[in-house]
Structure formats: C-alpha cells, structure tokens
Amino acid sequence: MVDFSFDFKDIKKYEQKNSKNTLRVCNPTRSFIKYLDDKKQLRITKFLGTT
C-alpha cells in the first residue's frame, strides 16, 4: 500500500486550478500525483535559488 502525503489545502488548490477530480475511489488520480510531484520539485528549485 502506498502512503500519500497531502492535505485538504492541496486538494482544494488543485481543484480550483484544474477542472479535474483529485480522488477516485479514495485514491488520488494520476494527474493529482503528478501535480504534487511538480509542487515538490518547484520547492527544491526555489530553495536552491535556480529559477
């Protein structure tokens, strides 16, 4: 079983930004997982100071 770490704020931001659903049968959709991964990569890039 895969453990996902996201909260309601992430779900709300994603659904406001996109017209897609975040969860399907209590599991996150692939597009939402990609959104979370991109968000983490953006944080790393900002931390390193390269934009």
PDB file of N, CA and C in Angstrom:
ATOM      1  N   MET A   1       0.834  -1.176   0.000  1.00  0.00           N
ATOM      2  CA  MET A   1       0.000   0.000   0.000  1.00  0.00           C
ATOM      3  C   MET A   1       0.879   1.239   0.000  1.00  0.00           C
ATOM      4  N   VAL A   2       0.541   2.191  -0.833  1.00  0.00           N
ATOM      5  CA  VAL A   2       1.316   3.413  -0.973  1.00  0.00           C
ATOM      6  C   VAL A   2       0.768   4.468  -0.010  1.00  0.00           C
ATOM      7  N   ASP A   3       1.689   5.148   0.659  1.00  0.00           N
ATOM      8  CA  ASP A   3       1.296   6.201   1.589  1.00  0.00           C
ATOM      9  C   ASP A   3       1.489   7.554   0.915  1.00  0.00           C
ATOM     10  N   PHE A   4       0.415   8.305   0.770  1.00  0.00           N
ATOM     11  CA  PHE A   4       0.461   9.624   0.151  1.00  0.00           C
ATOM     12  C   PHE A   4       0.419  10.687   1.224  1.00  0.00           C
ATOM     13  N   SER A   5       1.156  11.751   1.018  1.00  0.00           N
ATOM     14  CA  SER A   5       1.140  12.844   1.994  1.00  0.00           C
ATOM     15  C   SER A   5       0.636  14.119   1.313  1.00  0.00           C
ATOM     16  N   PHE A   6      -0.629  14.412   1.525  1.00  0.00           N
ATOM     17  CA  PHE A   6      -1.215  15.650   1.067  1.00  0.00           C
ATOM     18  C   PHE A   6      -2.362  15.980   2.013  1.00  0.00           C
ATOM     19  N   ASP A   7      -2.750  17.233   1.990  1.00  0.00           N
ATOM     20  CA  ASP A   7      -3.826  17.650   2.884  1.00  0.00           C
ATOM     21  C   ASP A   7      -4.946  18.306   2.081  1.00  0.00           C
ATOM     22  N   PHE A   8      -5.946  18.762   2.796  1.00  0.00           N
ATOM     23  CA  PHE A   8      -7.116  19.334   2.153  1.00  0.00           C
ATOM     24  C   PHE A   8      -6.768  20.587   1.356  1.00  0.00           C
ATOM     25  N   LYS A   9      -5.780  21.343   1.817  1.00  0.00           N
ATOM     26  CA  LYS A   9      -5.363  22.547   1.092  1.00  0.00           C
ATOM     27  C   LYS A   9      -4.853  22.196  -0.304  1.00  0.00           C
ATOM     28  N   ASP A  10      -4.072  21.110  -0.406  1.00  0.00           N
ATOM     29  CA  ASP A  10      -3.567  20.673  -1.708  1.00  0.00           C
ATOM     30  C   ASP A  10      -4.716  20.273  -2.629  1.00  0.00           C
ATOM     31  N   ILE A  11      -5.690  19.571  -2.077  1.00  0.00           N
ATOM     32  CA  ILE A  11      -6.839  19.143  -2.871  1.00  0.00           C
ATOM     33  C   ILE A  11      -7.613  20.354  -3.371  1.00  0.00           C
ATOM     34  N   LYS A  12      -7.849  21.298  -2.496  1.00  0.00           N
ATOM     35  CA  LYS A  12      -8.621  22.487  -2.849  1.00  0.00           C
ATOM     36  C   LYS A  12      -7.907  23.318  -3.917  1.00  0.00           C
ATOM     37  N   LYS A  13      -6.588  23.527  -3.754  1.00  0.00           N
ATOM     38  CA  LYS A  13      -5.822  24.293  -4.734  1.00  0.00           C
ATOM     39  C   LYS A  13      -5.837  23.618  -6.102  1.00  0.00           C
ATOM     40  N   TYR A  14      -5.674  22.295  -6.108  1.00  0.00           N
ATOM     41  CA  TYR A  14      -5.652  21.556  -7.372  1.00  0.00           C
ATOM     42  C   TYR A  14      -7.000  21.656  -8.081  1.00  0.00           C
ATOM     43  N   GLU A  15      -8.088  21.483  -7.348  1.00  0.00           N
ATOM     44  CA  GLU A  15      -9.411  21.520  -7.971  1.00  0.00           C
ATOM     45  C   GLU A  15      -9.781  22.924  -8.435  1.00  0.00           C
ATOM     46  N   GLN A  16      -9.279  23.963  -7.780  1.00  0.00           N
ATOM     47  CA  GLN A  16      -9.528  25.326  -8.237  1.00  0.00           C
ATOM     48  C   GLN A  16      -8.717  25.639  -9.487  1.00  0.00           C
ATOM     49  N   LYS A  17      -7.510  25.098  -9.554  1.00  0.00           N
ATOM     50  CA  LYS A  17      -6.619  25.362 -10.677  1.00  0.00           C
ATOM     51  C   LYS A  17      -7.014  24.554 -11.920  1.00  0.00           C
ATOM     52  N   ASN A  18      -7.466  23.338 -11.718  1.00  0.00           N
ATOM     53  CA  ASN A  18      -7.810  22.434 -12.817  1.00  0.00           C
ATOM     54  C   ASN A  18      -9.279  22.044 -12.724  1.00  0.00           C
ATOM     55  N   SER A  19      -9.808  21.580 -13.810  1.00  0.00           N
ATOM     56  CA  SER A  19     -11.201  21.133 -13.805  1.00  0.00           C
ATOM     57  C   SER A  19     -11.298  19.619 -13.608  1.00  0.00           C
ATOM     58  N   LYS A  20     -10.248  19.021 -13.080  1.00  0.00           N
ATOM     59  CA  LYS A  20     -10.215  17.569 -12.897  1.00  0.00           C
ATOM     60  C   LYS A  20     -10.434  17.204 -11.430  1.00  0.00           C
ATOM     61  N   ASN A  21     -10.851  15.970 -11.194  1.00  0.00           N
ATOM     62  CA  ASN A  21     -11.021  15.474  -9.830  1.00  0.00           C
ATOM     63  C   ASN A  21      -9.686  15.032  -9.256  1.00  0.00           C
ATOM     64  N   THR A  22      -9.570  15.130  -7.938  1.00  0.00           N
ATOM     65  CA  THR A  22      -8.330  14.719  -7.291  1.00  0.00           C
ATOM     66  C   THR A  22      -8.371  13.278  -6.828  1.00  0.00           C
ATOM     67  N   LEU A  23      -9.534  12.829  -6.406  1.00  0.00           N
ATOM     68  CA  LEU A  23      -9.648  11.480  -5.857  1.00  0.00           C
ATOM     69  C   LEU A  23     -10.649  10.657  -6.651  1.00  0.00           C
ATOM     70  N   ARG A  24     -10.319   9.392  -6.795  1.00  0.00           N
ATOM     71  CA  ARG A  24     -11.208   8.436  -7.431  1.00  0.00           C
ATOM     72  C   ARG A  24     -11.181   7.165  -6.592  1.00  0.00           C
ATOM     73  N   VAL A  25     -12.290   6.813  -6.016  1.00  0.00           N
ATOM     74  CA  VAL A  25     -12.434   5.638  -5.140  1.00  0.00           C
ATOM     75  C   VAL A  25     -11.368   5.674  -4.044  1.00  0.00           C
ATOM     76  N   CYS A  26     -11.292   6.791  -3.368  1.00  0.00           N
ATOM     77  CA  CYS A  26     -10.374   7.006  -2.229  1.00  0.00           C
ATOM     78  C   CYS A  26      -8.906   6.935  -2.593  1.00  0.00           C
ATOM     79  N   ASN A  27      -8.571   6.984  -3.855  1.00  0.00           N
ATOM     80  CA  ASN A  27      -7.173   7.015  -4.301  1.00  0.00           C
ATOM     81  C   ASN A  27      -6.962   8.256  -5.150  1.00  0.00           C
ATOM     82  N   PRO A  28      -5.814   8.897  -5.022  1.00  0.00           N
ATOM     83  CA  PRO A  28      -5.544  10.082  -5.846  1.00  0.00           C
ATOM     84  C   PRO A  28      -5.383   9.708  -7.318  1.00  0.00           C
ATOM     85  N   THR A  29      -5.821  10.590  -8.188  1.00  0.00           N
ATOM     86  CA  THR A  29      -5.681  10.354  -9.621  1.00  0.00           C
ATOM     87  C   THR A  29      -4.233  10.575 -10.041  1.00  0.00           C
ATOM     88  N   ARG A  30      -3.884  10.081 -11.202  1.00  0.00           N
ATOM     89  CA  ARG A  30      -2.505  10.232 -11.694  1.00  0.00           C
ATOM     90  C   ARG A  30      -2.140  11.691 -11.903  1.00  0.00           C
ATOM     91  N   SER A  31      -3.083  12.472 -12.404  1.00  0.00           N
ATOM     92  CA  SER A  31      -2.796  13.895 -12.638  1.00  0.00           C
ATOM     93  C   SER A  31      -2.562  14.638 -11.320  1.00  0.00           C
ATOM     94  N   PHE A  32      -3.272  14.253 -10.260  1.00  0.00           N
ATOM     95  CA  PHE A  32      -3.059  14.880  -8.953  1.00  0.00           C
ATOM     96  C   PHE A  32      -1.705  14.476  -8.373  1.00  0.00           C
ATOM     97  N   ILE A  33      -1.318  13.232  -8.537  1.00  0.00           N
ATOM     98  CA  ILE A  33       0.000  12.771  -8.080  1.00  0.00           C
ATOM     99  C   ILE A  33       1.103  13.532  -8.808  1.00  0.00           C
ATOM    100  N   LYS A  34       0.930  13.734 -10.113  1.00  0.00           N
ATOM    101  CA  LYS A  34       1.911  14.498 -10.894  1.00  0.00           C
ATOM    102  C   LYS A  34       1.969  15.943 -10.402  1.00  0.00           C
ATOM    103  N   TYR A  35       0.822  16.531 -10.093  1.00  0.00           N
ATOM    104  CA  TYR A  35       0.761  17.895  -9.560  1.00  0.00           C
ATOM    105  C   TYR A  35       1.545  17.982  -8.248  1.00  0.00           C
ATOM    106  N   LEU A  36       1.366  17.011  -7.360  1.00  0.00           N
ATOM    107  CA  LEU A  36       2.084  17.018  -6.082  1.00  0.00           C
ATOM    108  C   LEU A  36       3.586  16.883  -6.296  1.00  0.00           C
ATOM    109  N   ASP A  37       3.981  16.022  -7.236  1.00  0.00           N
ATOM    110  CA  ASP A  37       5.407  15.835  -7.522  1.00  0.00           C
ATOM    111  C   ASP A  37       6.015  17.112  -8.093  1.00  0.00           C
ATOM    112  N   ASP A  38       5.299  17.766  -9.005  1.00  0.00           N
ATOM    113  CA  ASP A  38       5.784  19.024  -9.579  1.00  0.00           C
ATOM    114  C   ASP A  38       5.904  20.097  -8.502  1.00  0.00           C
ATOM    115  N   LYS A  39       4.975  20.096  -7.570  1.00  0.00           N
ATOM    116  CA  LYS A  39       4.999  21.073  -6.479  1.00  0.00           C
ATOM    117  C   LYS A  39       6.239  20.867  -5.609  1.00  0.00           C
ATOM    118  N   LYS A  40       6.584  19.622  -5.331  1.00  0.00           N
ATOM    119  CA  LYS A  40       7.788  19.332  -4.538  1.00  0.00           C
ATOM    120  C   LYS A  40       9.040  19.753  -5.290  1.00  0.00           C
ATOM    121  N   GLN A  41       9.091  19.487  -6.584  1.00  0.00           N
ATOM    122  CA  GLN A  41      10.257  19.865  -7.383  1.00  0.00           C
ATOM    123  C   GLN A  41      10.412  21.379  -7.435  1.00  0.00           C
ATOM    124  N   LEU A  42       9.296  22.104  -7.494  1.00  0.00           N
ATOM    125  CA  LEU A  42       9.352  23.562  -7.508  1.00  0.00           C
ATOM    126  C   LEU A  42       9.914  24.092  -6.197  1.00  0.00           C
ATOM    127  N   ARG A  43       9.551  23.475  -5.079  1.00  0.00           N
ATOM    128  CA  ARG A  43      10.094  23.892  -3.781  1.00  0.00           C
ATOM    129  C   ARG A  43      11.605  23.683  -3.739  1.00  0.00           C
ATOM    130  N   ILE A  44      12.085  22.575  -4.273  1.00  0.00           N
ATOM    131  CA  ILE A  44      13.524  22.293  -4.290  1.00  0.00           C
ATOM    132  C   ILE A  44      14.240  23.327  -5.149  1.00  0.00           C
ATOM    133  N   THR A  45      13.673  23.647  -6.299  1.00  0.00           N
ATOM    134  CA  THR A  45      14.282  24.612  -7.204  1.00  0.00           C
ATOM    135  C   THR A  45      14.356  25.991  -6.555  1.00  0.00           C
ATOM    136  N   LYS A  46      13.281  26.395  -5.869  1.00  0.00           N
ATOM    137  CA  LYS A  46      13.295  27.694  -5.200  1.00  0.00           C
ATOM    138  C   LYS A  46      14.321  27.716  -4.077  1.00  0.00           C
ATOM    139  N   PHE A  47      14.471  26.605  -3.351  1.00  0.00           N
ATOM    140  CA  PHE A  47      15.440  26.524  -2.262  1.00  0.00           C
ATOM    141  C   PHE A  47      16.846  26.667  -2.793  1.00  0.00           C
ATOM    142  N   LEU A  48      17.140  26.031  -3.917  1.00  0.00           N
ATOM    143  CA  LEU A  48      18.480  26.092  -4.482  1.00  0.00           C
ATOM    144  C   LEU A  48      18.762  27.447  -5.126  1.00  0.00           C
ATOM    145  N   GLY A  49      17.729  28.225  -5.386  1.00  0.00           N
ATOM    146  CA  GLY A  49      17.930  29.549  -5.955  1.00  0.00           C
ATOM    147  C   GLY A  49      18.067  29.581  -7.458  1.00  0.00           C
ATOM    148  N   THR A  50      17.781  28.479  -8.120  1.00  0.00           N
ATOM    149  CA  THR A  50      17.830  28.453  -9.583  1.00  0.00           C
ATOM    150  C   THR A  50      16.410  28.450 -10.107  1.00  0.00           C
ATOM    151  N   THR A  51      16.077  29.468 -10.890  1.00  0.00           N
ATOM    152  CA  THR A  51      14.732  29.536 -11.462  1.00  0.00           C
ATOM    153  C   THR A  51      14.777  29.693 -12.943  1.00  0.00           C
TER     154      THR A  51
END
